[in-house]
Amino acid sequence: MAENLNVFDFELTDEQMSRIADLDTGVSVALDHHDPAVAGQLGGFRLG
């Protein structure tokens, strides 16, 4: 359990942060919530 508390015990370099930022393509890989059809489906979704 003590190991689980150390999740923030690391640092990223500027290069690593830049590489992570480059992963953001600005496009969803799962669905496009800007698409009216998808937005309509999401709006009609109800949890159990």
N, C-alpha and C. Protein backbone atom coordinates (compact mmCIF):
# COMPACT_ATOMS: atom_id res chain seq x y z
N MET A 1 0.81 -1.19 0.00
CA MET A 1 0.00 0.00 0.00
C MET A 1 0.86 1.26 0.00
N ALA A 2 1.99 1.20 0.64
CA ALA A 2 2.86 2.38 0.67
C ALA A 2 3.33 2.74 -0.73
N GLU A 3 3.56 1.73 -1.58
CA GLU A 3 3.99 1.99 -2.95
C GLU A 3 2.92 2.75 -3.72
N ASN A 4 1.67 2.50 -3.43
CA ASN A 4 0.58 3.18 -4.12
C ASN A 4 0.53 4.67 -3.79
N LEU A 5 1.06 5.06 -2.67
CA LEU A 5 1.05 6.47 -2.28
C LEU A 5 2.12 7.28 -3.00
N ASN A 6 3.04 6.61 -3.68
CA ASN A 6 4.14 7.29 -4.36
C ASN A 6 3.84 7.57 -5.83
N VAL A 7 2.58 7.71 -6.20
CA VAL A 7 2.23 7.91 -7.61
C VAL A 7 2.67 9.27 -8.14
N PHE A 8 2.91 10.23 -7.26
CA PHE A 8 3.32 11.56 -7.69
C PHE A 8 4.80 11.81 -7.41
N ASP A 9 5.53 10.76 -7.14
CA ASP A 9 6.95 10.87 -6.81
C ASP A 9 7.81 10.71 -8.06
N PHE A 10 7.57 11.59 -9.08
CA PHE A 10 8.37 11.57 -10.29
C PHE A 10 8.30 12.94 -10.94
N GLU A 11 9.19 13.19 -11.85
CA GLU A 11 9.21 14.45 -12.59
C GLU A 11 9.37 14.15 -14.06
N LEU A 12 8.76 14.98 -14.90
CA LEU A 12 8.93 14.85 -16.34
C LEU A 12 9.79 16.00 -16.83
N THR A 13 10.66 15.70 -17.78
CA THR A 13 11.50 16.73 -18.36
C THR A 13 10.65 17.56 -19.35
N ASP A 14 11.18 18.70 -19.75
CA ASP A 14 10.50 19.52 -20.75
C ASP A 14 10.31 18.74 -22.06
N GLU A 15 11.31 17.95 -22.42
CA GLU A 15 11.21 17.15 -23.65
C GLU A 15 10.08 16.12 -23.52
N GLN A 16 9.98 15.46 -22.38
CA GLN A 16 8.91 14.49 -22.18
C GLN A 16 7.54 15.16 -22.22
N MET A 17 7.42 16.32 -21.61
CA MET A 17 6.15 17.06 -21.64
C MET A 17 5.79 17.45 -23.07
N SER A 18 6.78 17.85 -23.85
CA SER A 18 6.55 18.22 -25.24
C SER A 18 6.09 17.01 -26.05
N ARG A 19 6.71 15.87 -25.81
CA ARG A 19 6.31 14.65 -26.54
C ARG A 19 4.90 14.23 -26.18
N ILE A 20 4.53 14.40 -24.93
CA ILE A 20 3.16 14.08 -24.50
C ILE A 20 2.18 15.04 -25.17
N ALA A 21 2.52 16.32 -25.21
CA ALA A 21 1.65 17.32 -25.85
C ALA A 21 1.47 17.02 -27.33
N ASP A 22 2.50 16.50 -27.97
CA ASP A 22 2.41 16.15 -29.40
C ASP A 22 1.43 15.02 -29.67
N LEU A 23 1.09 14.25 -28.65
CA LEU A 23 0.14 13.15 -28.82
C LEU A 23 -1.29 13.66 -29.04
N ASP A 24 -1.56 14.89 -28.61
CA ASP A 24 -2.89 15.46 -28.77
C ASP A 24 -3.08 15.93 -30.20
N THR A 25 -3.89 15.20 -30.95
CA THR A 25 -4.14 15.54 -32.35
C THR A 25 -5.32 16.48 -32.50
N GLY A 26 -6.06 16.70 -31.40
CA GLY A 26 -7.24 17.54 -31.47
C GLY A 26 -8.46 16.82 -32.00
N VAL A 27 -8.32 15.53 -32.27
CA VAL A 27 -9.41 14.73 -32.81
C VAL A 27 -9.63 13.54 -31.89
N SER A 28 -10.89 13.30 -31.54
CA SER A 28 -11.21 12.16 -30.69
C SER A 28 -11.02 10.86 -31.44
N VAL A 29 -10.42 9.88 -30.79
CA VAL A 29 -10.27 8.58 -31.42
C VAL A 29 -11.49 7.70 -31.15
N ALA A 30 -12.34 8.12 -30.22
CA ALA A 30 -13.50 7.30 -29.86
C ALA A 30 -14.76 7.77 -30.58
N LEU A 31 -15.07 9.06 -30.50
CA LEU A 31 -16.25 9.60 -31.15
C LEU A 31 -16.11 11.10 -31.30
N ASP A 32 -16.86 11.64 -32.21
CA ASP A 32 -16.82 13.08 -32.45
C ASP A 32 -18.06 13.70 -31.85
N HIS A 33 -17.93 14.29 -30.65
CA HIS A 33 -19.10 14.85 -29.98
C HIS A 33 -19.58 16.13 -30.64
N HIS A 34 -18.85 16.62 -31.65
CA HIS A 34 -19.30 17.79 -32.42
C HIS A 34 -20.24 17.37 -33.54
N ASP A 35 -20.27 16.08 -33.87
CA ASP A 35 -21.16 15.56 -34.91
C ASP A 35 -22.58 15.53 -34.35
N PRO A 36 -23.54 16.20 -35.01
CA PRO A 36 -24.91 16.25 -34.49
C PRO A 36 -25.53 14.87 -34.25
N ALA A 37 -25.23 13.91 -35.09
CA ALA A 37 -25.79 12.56 -34.91
C ALA A 37 -25.26 11.92 -33.63
N VAL A 38 -23.97 12.07 -33.40
CA VAL A 38 -23.36 11.50 -32.19
C VAL A 38 -23.87 12.24 -30.96
N ALA A 39 -23.94 13.56 -31.04
CA ALA A 39 -24.45 14.35 -29.91
C ALA A 39 -25.88 13.94 -29.58
N GLY A 40 -26.68 13.68 -30.58
CA GLY A 40 -28.06 13.24 -30.35
C GLY A 40 -28.11 11.89 -29.67
N GLN A 41 -27.24 10.98 -30.07
CA GLN A 41 -27.19 9.67 -29.43
C GLN A 41 -26.76 9.80 -27.98
N LEU A 42 -25.76 10.64 -27.73
CA LEU A 42 -25.29 10.83 -26.36
C LEU A 42 -26.37 11.48 -25.50
N GLY A 43 -27.10 12.42 -26.08
CA GLY A 43 -28.16 13.10 -25.35
C GLY A 43 -29.30 12.18 -24.97
N GLY A 44 -29.48 11.10 -25.72
CA GLY A 44 -30.55 10.16 -25.42
C GLY A 44 -30.13 8.99 -24.57
N PHE A 45 -28.85 8.95 -24.21
CA PHE A 45 -28.31 7.83 -23.42
C PHE A 45 -28.73 7.96 -21.97
N ARG A 46 -29.25 6.90 -21.41
CA ARG A 46 -29.68 6.89 -20.00
C ARG A 46 -28.98 5.76 -19.27
N LEU A 47 -28.47 6.07 -18.10
CA LEU A 47 -27.85 5.04 -17.25
C LEU A 47 -28.93 4.28 -16.51
N GLY A 48 -28.78 2.98 -16.46
CA GLY A 48 -29.64 2.02 -15.85
C GLY A 48 -30.56 2.39 -14.83
